[in-house]
N, C-alpha and C. Protein backbone atom coordinates (compact mmCIF):
# COMPACT_ATOMS: atom_id res chain seq x y z
N MET A 1 0.85 -1.15 0.00
CA MET A 1 0.00 0.00 0.00
C MET A 1 0.91 1.23 0.00
N SER A 2 0.75 2.09 -0.95
CA SER A 2 1.58 3.28 -1.02
C SER A 2 0.81 4.48 -0.47
N ALA A 3 1.58 5.43 0.03
CA ALA A 3 0.96 6.63 0.58
C ALA A 3 0.35 7.45 -0.55
N PRO A 4 -0.87 7.92 -0.36
CA PRO A 4 -1.50 8.73 -1.39
C PRO A 4 -0.82 10.09 -1.51
N GLU A 5 -0.93 10.67 -2.68
CA GLU A 5 -0.40 12.01 -2.90
C GLU A 5 -1.27 13.01 -2.14
N GLY A 6 -0.66 14.10 -1.73
CA GLY A 6 -1.43 15.16 -1.09
C GLY A 6 -1.51 15.00 0.41
N PRO A 7 -2.55 15.57 1.01
CA PRO A 7 -2.68 15.57 2.48
C PRO A 7 -2.76 14.14 3.02
N SER A 8 -2.28 13.97 4.24
CA SER A 8 -2.36 12.67 4.91
C SER A 8 -3.81 12.38 5.29
N LEU A 9 -4.08 11.13 5.62
CA LEU A 9 -5.41 10.78 6.11
C LEU A 9 -5.74 11.61 7.34
N TYR A 10 -4.77 11.80 8.21
CA TYR A 10 -4.97 12.62 9.40
C TYR A 10 -5.51 14.00 9.02
N GLU A 11 -4.94 14.60 8.01
CA GLU A 11 -5.40 15.92 7.55
C GLU A 11 -6.76 15.83 6.87
N ARG A 12 -6.97 14.80 6.06
CA ARG A 12 -8.23 14.67 5.32
C ARG A 12 -9.43 14.47 6.23
N VAL A 13 -9.23 13.82 7.37
CA VAL A 13 -10.37 13.56 8.26
C VAL A 13 -10.55 14.65 9.30
N GLY A 14 -9.70 15.66 9.29
CA GLY A 14 -9.85 16.77 10.23
C GLY A 14 -9.07 16.61 11.52
N GLY A 15 -8.14 15.67 11.56
CA GLY A 15 -7.25 15.55 12.71
C GLY A 15 -7.70 14.58 13.77
N THR A 16 -7.23 14.80 14.96
CA THR A 16 -7.39 13.88 16.08
C THR A 16 -8.83 13.53 16.42
N PRO A 17 -9.80 14.45 16.34
CA PRO A 17 -11.18 14.08 16.72
C PRO A 17 -11.72 12.87 15.96
N TRP A 18 -11.36 12.73 14.68
CA TRP A 18 -11.84 11.57 13.92
C TRP A 18 -11.28 10.28 14.52
N PHE A 19 -10.01 10.29 14.89
CA PHE A 19 -9.38 9.10 15.46
C PHE A 19 -9.91 8.81 16.86
N GLU A 20 -10.25 9.84 17.61
CA GLU A 20 -10.87 9.63 18.92
C GLU A 20 -12.24 8.96 18.75
N ALA A 21 -12.99 9.40 17.76
CA ALA A 21 -14.31 8.80 17.52
C ALA A 21 -14.15 7.35 17.03
N LEU A 22 -13.19 7.10 16.17
CA LEU A 22 -12.92 5.74 15.69
C LEU A 22 -12.59 4.83 16.87
N THR A 23 -11.70 5.30 17.72
CA THR A 23 -11.29 4.52 18.88
C THR A 23 -12.47 4.27 19.81
N SER A 24 -13.31 5.25 20.01
CA SER A 24 -14.50 5.07 20.85
C SER A 24 -15.45 4.03 20.26
N ARG A 25 -15.70 4.11 18.96
CA ARG A 25 -16.58 3.12 18.32
C ARG A 25 -16.00 1.72 18.48
N PHE A 26 -14.70 1.58 18.27
CA PHE A 26 -14.05 0.29 18.39
C PHE A 26 -14.18 -0.26 19.80
N TYR A 27 -13.82 0.53 20.80
CA TYR A 27 -13.87 0.05 22.18
C TYR A 27 -15.29 -0.14 22.69
N ASP A 28 -16.26 0.54 22.12
CA ASP A 28 -17.66 0.26 22.47
C ASP A 28 -17.98 -1.20 22.14
N GLY A 29 -17.45 -1.69 21.03
CA GLY A 29 -17.64 -3.11 20.67
C GLY A 29 -16.85 -4.04 21.56
N VAL A 30 -15.62 -3.67 21.85
CA VAL A 30 -14.75 -4.52 22.68
C VAL A 30 -15.34 -4.71 24.08
N GLU A 31 -15.94 -3.65 24.62
CA GLU A 31 -16.44 -3.69 26.00
C GLU A 31 -17.39 -4.86 26.26
N SER A 32 -18.16 -5.25 25.25
CA SER A 32 -19.13 -6.32 25.46
C SER A 32 -18.77 -7.60 24.69
N ASP A 33 -17.56 -7.66 24.16
CA ASP A 33 -17.17 -8.83 23.37
C ASP A 33 -16.63 -9.94 24.28
N PRO A 34 -17.25 -11.12 24.28
CA PRO A 34 -16.80 -12.19 25.17
C PRO A 34 -15.43 -12.76 24.82
N VAL A 35 -14.98 -12.59 23.60
CA VAL A 35 -13.66 -13.08 23.20
C VAL A 35 -12.58 -12.08 23.55
N LEU A 36 -12.83 -10.80 23.27
CA LEU A 36 -11.79 -9.78 23.46
C LEU A 36 -11.74 -9.18 24.85
N ARG A 37 -12.88 -8.99 25.48
CA ARG A 37 -12.89 -8.25 26.75
C ARG A 37 -11.94 -8.82 27.80
N PRO A 38 -11.82 -10.16 27.90
CA PRO A 38 -10.89 -10.70 28.91
C PRO A 38 -9.41 -10.35 28.66
N LEU A 39 -9.07 -9.91 27.47
CA LEU A 39 -7.68 -9.56 27.17
C LEU A 39 -7.31 -8.17 27.67
N TYR A 40 -8.29 -7.38 28.02
CA TYR A 40 -8.07 -5.98 28.39
C TYR A 40 -8.22 -5.78 29.89
N PRO A 41 -7.57 -4.73 30.43
CA PRO A 41 -7.75 -4.42 31.85
C PRO A 41 -9.18 -3.92 32.10
N ASP A 42 -9.58 -3.90 33.37
CA ASP A 42 -10.93 -3.42 33.72
C ASP A 42 -11.17 -2.01 33.20
N ASP A 43 -10.20 -1.15 33.36
CA ASP A 43 -10.31 0.23 32.90
C ASP A 43 -9.67 0.34 31.51
N LEU A 44 -10.47 0.68 30.54
CA LEU A 44 -10.00 0.74 29.16
C LEU A 44 -9.40 2.09 28.77
N ALA A 45 -9.33 3.03 29.69
CA ALA A 45 -8.88 4.38 29.35
C ALA A 45 -7.48 4.39 28.74
N ALA A 46 -6.53 3.69 29.33
CA ALA A 46 -5.17 3.69 28.80
C ALA A 46 -5.11 3.01 27.43
N ALA A 47 -5.83 1.91 27.28
CA ALA A 47 -5.85 1.22 25.99
C ALA A 47 -6.43 2.14 24.90
N ARG A 48 -7.48 2.84 25.23
CA ARG A 48 -8.08 3.78 24.28
C ARG A 48 -7.08 4.86 23.88
N ALA A 49 -6.42 5.43 24.87
CA ALA A 49 -5.46 6.51 24.60
C ALA A 49 -4.29 6.00 23.77
N HIS A 50 -3.79 4.82 24.08
CA HIS A 50 -2.65 4.27 23.33
C HIS A 50 -3.03 4.01 21.88
N LEU A 51 -4.18 3.37 21.67
CA LEU A 51 -4.60 3.08 20.29
C LEU A 51 -4.81 4.37 19.51
N CYS A 52 -5.51 5.31 20.11
CA CYS A 52 -5.77 6.57 19.42
C CYS A 52 -4.47 7.28 19.07
N GLY A 53 -3.56 7.37 20.04
CA GLY A 53 -2.28 8.03 19.78
C GLY A 53 -1.49 7.36 18.69
N PHE A 54 -1.48 6.02 18.71
CA PHE A 54 -0.77 5.29 17.66
C PHE A 54 -1.39 5.58 16.29
N LEU A 55 -2.71 5.52 16.19
CA LEU A 55 -3.37 5.73 14.90
C LEU A 55 -3.17 7.15 14.39
N VAL A 56 -3.24 8.12 15.27
CA VAL A 56 -2.99 9.50 14.87
C VAL A 56 -1.60 9.60 14.24
N GLN A 57 -0.61 9.06 14.92
CA GLN A 57 0.76 9.12 14.41
C GLN A 57 0.90 8.33 13.11
N TYR A 58 0.38 7.12 13.07
CA TYR A 58 0.53 6.26 11.89
C TYR A 58 -0.05 6.91 10.64
N TRP A 59 -1.19 7.57 10.80
CA TRP A 59 -1.88 8.13 9.65
C TRP A 59 -1.52 9.60 9.38
N GLY A 60 -0.41 10.07 9.93
CA GLY A 60 0.12 11.37 9.53
C GLY A 60 0.01 12.49 10.52
N GLY A 61 -0.44 12.22 11.72
CA GLY A 61 -0.56 13.26 12.73
C GLY A 61 0.71 13.39 13.55
N PRO A 62 0.63 14.14 14.63
CA PRO A 62 1.80 14.36 15.49
C PRO A 62 2.34 13.05 16.05
N ALA A 63 3.64 13.01 16.30
CA ALA A 63 4.33 11.81 16.79
C ALA A 63 4.32 11.74 18.32
N ASP A 64 3.24 12.18 18.93
CA ASP A 64 3.15 12.16 20.39
C ASP A 64 3.22 10.74 20.96
N TYR A 65 2.68 9.77 20.24
CA TYR A 65 2.71 8.39 20.70
C TYR A 65 4.15 7.92 20.91
N SER A 66 4.98 8.09 19.91
CA SER A 66 6.38 7.65 20.01
C SER A 66 7.15 8.48 21.03
N ALA A 67 6.82 9.75 21.13
CA ALA A 67 7.49 10.59 22.12
C ALA A 67 7.21 10.08 23.54
N ALA A 68 6.01 9.60 23.77
CA ALA A 68 5.62 9.13 25.10
C ALA A 68 5.98 7.67 25.35
N ARG A 69 5.86 6.84 24.32
CA ARG A 69 5.97 5.39 24.52
C ARG A 69 7.12 4.74 23.77
N GLY A 70 7.85 5.49 22.96
CA GLY A 70 8.91 4.90 22.17
C GLY A 70 8.37 4.29 20.89
N HIS A 71 9.20 3.52 20.23
CA HIS A 71 8.80 2.86 18.98
C HIS A 71 7.56 2.01 19.24
N PRO A 72 6.60 1.98 18.31
CA PRO A 72 5.36 1.24 18.55
C PRO A 72 5.56 -0.25 18.86
N ARG A 73 6.48 -0.94 18.21
CA ARG A 73 6.75 -2.36 18.46
C ARG A 73 5.45 -3.14 18.73
N LEU A 74 4.52 -3.04 17.81
CA LEU A 74 3.19 -3.61 18.03
C LEU A 74 3.23 -5.11 18.32
N ARG A 75 4.00 -5.84 17.54
CA ARG A 75 4.05 -7.29 17.76
C ARG A 75 4.57 -7.61 19.16
N MET A 76 5.65 -6.95 19.56
CA MET A 76 6.21 -7.18 20.88
C MET A 76 5.21 -6.81 21.99
N ARG A 77 4.54 -5.68 21.84
CA ARG A 77 3.60 -5.22 22.87
C ARG A 77 2.41 -6.16 23.02
N HIS A 78 2.08 -6.90 21.96
CA HIS A 78 0.92 -7.79 22.00
C HIS A 78 1.29 -9.25 22.24
N MET A 79 2.57 -9.57 22.30
CA MET A 79 3.00 -10.96 22.42
C MET A 79 2.51 -11.62 23.71
N ARG A 80 2.30 -10.86 24.76
CA ARG A 80 1.86 -11.46 26.04
C ARG A 80 0.41 -11.93 26.01
N PHE A 81 -0.30 -11.58 24.95
CA PHE A 81 -1.69 -12.00 24.81
C PHE A 81 -1.78 -13.15 23.82
N ALA A 82 -2.62 -14.13 24.13
CA ALA A 82 -2.86 -15.22 23.19
C ALA A 82 -3.82 -14.71 22.12
N ILE A 83 -3.29 -14.50 20.93
CA ILE A 83 -4.10 -13.99 19.83
C ILE A 83 -4.17 -15.09 18.77
N ARG A 84 -5.33 -15.69 18.72
CA ARG A 84 -5.61 -16.76 17.77
C ARG A 84 -6.56 -16.21 16.70
N ALA A 85 -7.04 -17.09 15.86
CA ALA A 85 -7.97 -16.66 14.81
C ALA A 85 -9.22 -16.01 15.40
N ALA A 86 -9.74 -16.56 16.50
CA ALA A 86 -10.97 -15.99 17.09
C ALA A 86 -10.74 -14.57 17.57
N GLU A 87 -9.63 -14.33 18.24
CA GLU A 87 -9.32 -12.98 18.73
C GLU A 87 -9.06 -12.04 17.56
N ARG A 88 -8.29 -12.51 16.60
CA ARG A 88 -8.01 -11.70 15.40
C ARG A 88 -9.32 -11.31 14.71
N ASP A 89 -10.18 -12.28 14.48
CA ASP A 89 -11.43 -12.02 13.76
C ASP A 89 -12.35 -11.08 14.54
N ALA A 90 -12.42 -11.27 15.85
CA ALA A 90 -13.26 -10.39 16.67
C ALA A 90 -12.71 -8.96 16.64
N TRP A 91 -11.38 -8.83 16.81
CA TRP A 91 -10.75 -7.52 16.79
C TRP A 91 -10.99 -6.82 15.45
N TYR A 92 -10.73 -7.55 14.36
CA TYR A 92 -10.92 -6.95 13.05
C TYR A 92 -12.39 -6.62 12.80
N GLY A 93 -13.28 -7.45 13.24
CA GLY A 93 -14.71 -7.18 13.05
C GLY A 93 -15.14 -5.88 13.70
N HIS A 94 -14.71 -5.66 14.94
CA HIS A 94 -15.05 -4.40 15.62
C HIS A 94 -14.36 -3.21 14.96
N MET A 95 -13.11 -3.40 14.56
CA MET A 95 -12.40 -2.29 13.93
C MET A 95 -13.00 -1.97 12.56
N ALA A 96 -13.33 -2.98 11.79
CA ALA A 96 -13.92 -2.74 10.47
C ALA A 96 -15.25 -2.01 10.61
N ALA A 97 -16.07 -2.40 11.58
CA ALA A 97 -17.35 -1.71 11.80
C ALA A 97 -17.10 -0.26 12.20
N ALA A 98 -16.11 -0.03 13.05
CA ALA A 98 -15.78 1.34 13.48
C ALA A 98 -15.31 2.17 12.30
N VAL A 99 -14.48 1.60 11.44
CA VAL A 99 -14.00 2.32 10.26
C VAL A 99 -15.16 2.62 9.32
N ARG A 100 -15.99 1.64 9.05
CA ARG A 100 -17.10 1.82 8.10
C ARG A 100 -18.10 2.88 8.57
N ALA A 101 -18.16 3.11 9.87
CA ALA A 101 -19.06 4.13 10.42
C ALA A 101 -18.41 5.51 10.44
N GLY A 102 -17.18 5.61 9.93
CA GLY A 102 -16.42 6.85 10.04
C GLY A 102 -16.58 7.84 8.92
N GLY A 103 -17.38 7.52 7.91
CA GLY A 103 -17.63 8.47 6.84
C GLY A 103 -16.45 8.74 5.92
N LEU A 104 -15.55 7.79 5.78
CA LEU A 104 -14.39 7.97 4.91
C LEU A 104 -14.78 7.86 3.44
N SER A 105 -13.94 8.40 2.58
CA SER A 105 -14.13 8.17 1.15
C SER A 105 -13.92 6.68 0.89
N GLU A 106 -14.39 6.22 -0.23
CA GLU A 106 -14.25 4.80 -0.58
C GLU A 106 -12.77 4.38 -0.60
N THR A 107 -11.92 5.21 -1.16
CA THR A 107 -10.49 4.90 -1.25
C THR A 107 -9.86 4.88 0.13
N ASP A 108 -10.13 5.90 0.94
CA ASP A 108 -9.56 5.94 2.29
C ASP A 108 -10.05 4.76 3.12
N GLU A 109 -11.32 4.45 3.02
CA GLU A 109 -11.86 3.32 3.78
C GLU A 109 -11.16 2.03 3.37
N ALA A 110 -10.98 1.81 2.08
CA ALA A 110 -10.31 0.60 1.62
C ALA A 110 -8.87 0.54 2.14
N ASP A 111 -8.17 1.66 2.12
CA ASP A 111 -6.79 1.69 2.61
C ASP A 111 -6.72 1.41 4.11
N VAL A 112 -7.61 2.02 4.87
CA VAL A 112 -7.60 1.83 6.31
C VAL A 112 -7.98 0.39 6.66
N LEU A 113 -8.99 -0.16 6.00
CA LEU A 113 -9.37 -1.55 6.25
C LEU A 113 -8.25 -2.51 5.87
N ALA A 114 -7.56 -2.24 4.77
CA ALA A 114 -6.44 -3.09 4.37
C ALA A 114 -5.33 -3.05 5.43
N TYR A 115 -5.05 -1.88 5.96
CA TYR A 115 -4.04 -1.77 7.02
C TYR A 115 -4.46 -2.60 8.23
N PHE A 116 -5.70 -2.46 8.68
CA PHE A 116 -6.13 -3.18 9.87
C PHE A 116 -6.18 -4.68 9.64
N ALA A 117 -6.54 -5.13 8.44
CA ALA A 117 -6.52 -6.57 8.14
C ALA A 117 -5.09 -7.09 8.23
N MET A 118 -4.14 -6.36 7.68
CA MET A 118 -2.74 -6.75 7.75
C MET A 118 -2.26 -6.77 9.19
N ALA A 119 -2.59 -5.74 9.96
CA ALA A 119 -2.16 -5.65 11.35
C ALA A 119 -2.74 -6.81 12.17
N ALA A 120 -4.01 -7.11 11.97
CA ALA A 120 -4.65 -8.21 12.70
C ALA A 120 -3.93 -9.53 12.40
N ASP A 121 -3.60 -9.75 11.13
CA ASP A 121 -2.88 -10.98 10.77
C ASP A 121 -1.49 -10.99 11.40
N GLN A 122 -0.80 -9.87 11.38
CA GLN A 122 0.56 -9.81 11.92
C GLN A 122 0.60 -10.02 13.43
N LEU A 123 -0.45 -9.64 14.14
CA LEU A 123 -0.46 -9.77 15.59
C LEU A 123 -0.92 -11.14 16.06
N THR A 124 -1.45 -11.95 15.14
CA THR A 124 -1.84 -13.31 15.49
C THR A 124 -0.58 -14.07 15.87
N ASN A 125 -0.58 -14.68 17.06
CA ASN A 125 0.64 -15.32 17.53
C ASN A 125 0.45 -16.76 18.00
N GLN A 126 -0.72 -17.30 17.84
CA GLN A 126 -0.98 -18.70 18.20
C GLN A 126 -1.93 -19.32 17.20
N LEU A 127 -1.79 -20.62 17.03
CA LEU A 127 -2.69 -21.33 16.12
C LEU A 127 -4.03 -21.57 16.76
């Protein structure tokens, strides 16, 4: 997937508020998911902030995430969790629904969904 010409996705969606809303939609699904919820701490505030910060940075916004937490090292950060096909599919399902509700252009939506599908596959660490 190559970066599109012109403004970043972060700029096209109006900045951080779009990513905050995406993260909220995603975690609204996670909160009641019987497969995913046990993987998260009782208080989801830190997880929400980390995901939002990472996505803001990844899609062209300020690098506050790396300034606060260092290199993302997503695979390493998720290795302590058993992520099988069920967890991957549940995670991607909630994220895809959150993205589809975000009002993106068809091209941006396809790019974002492709990224999340790749990330979900990469974080799978058990059969």
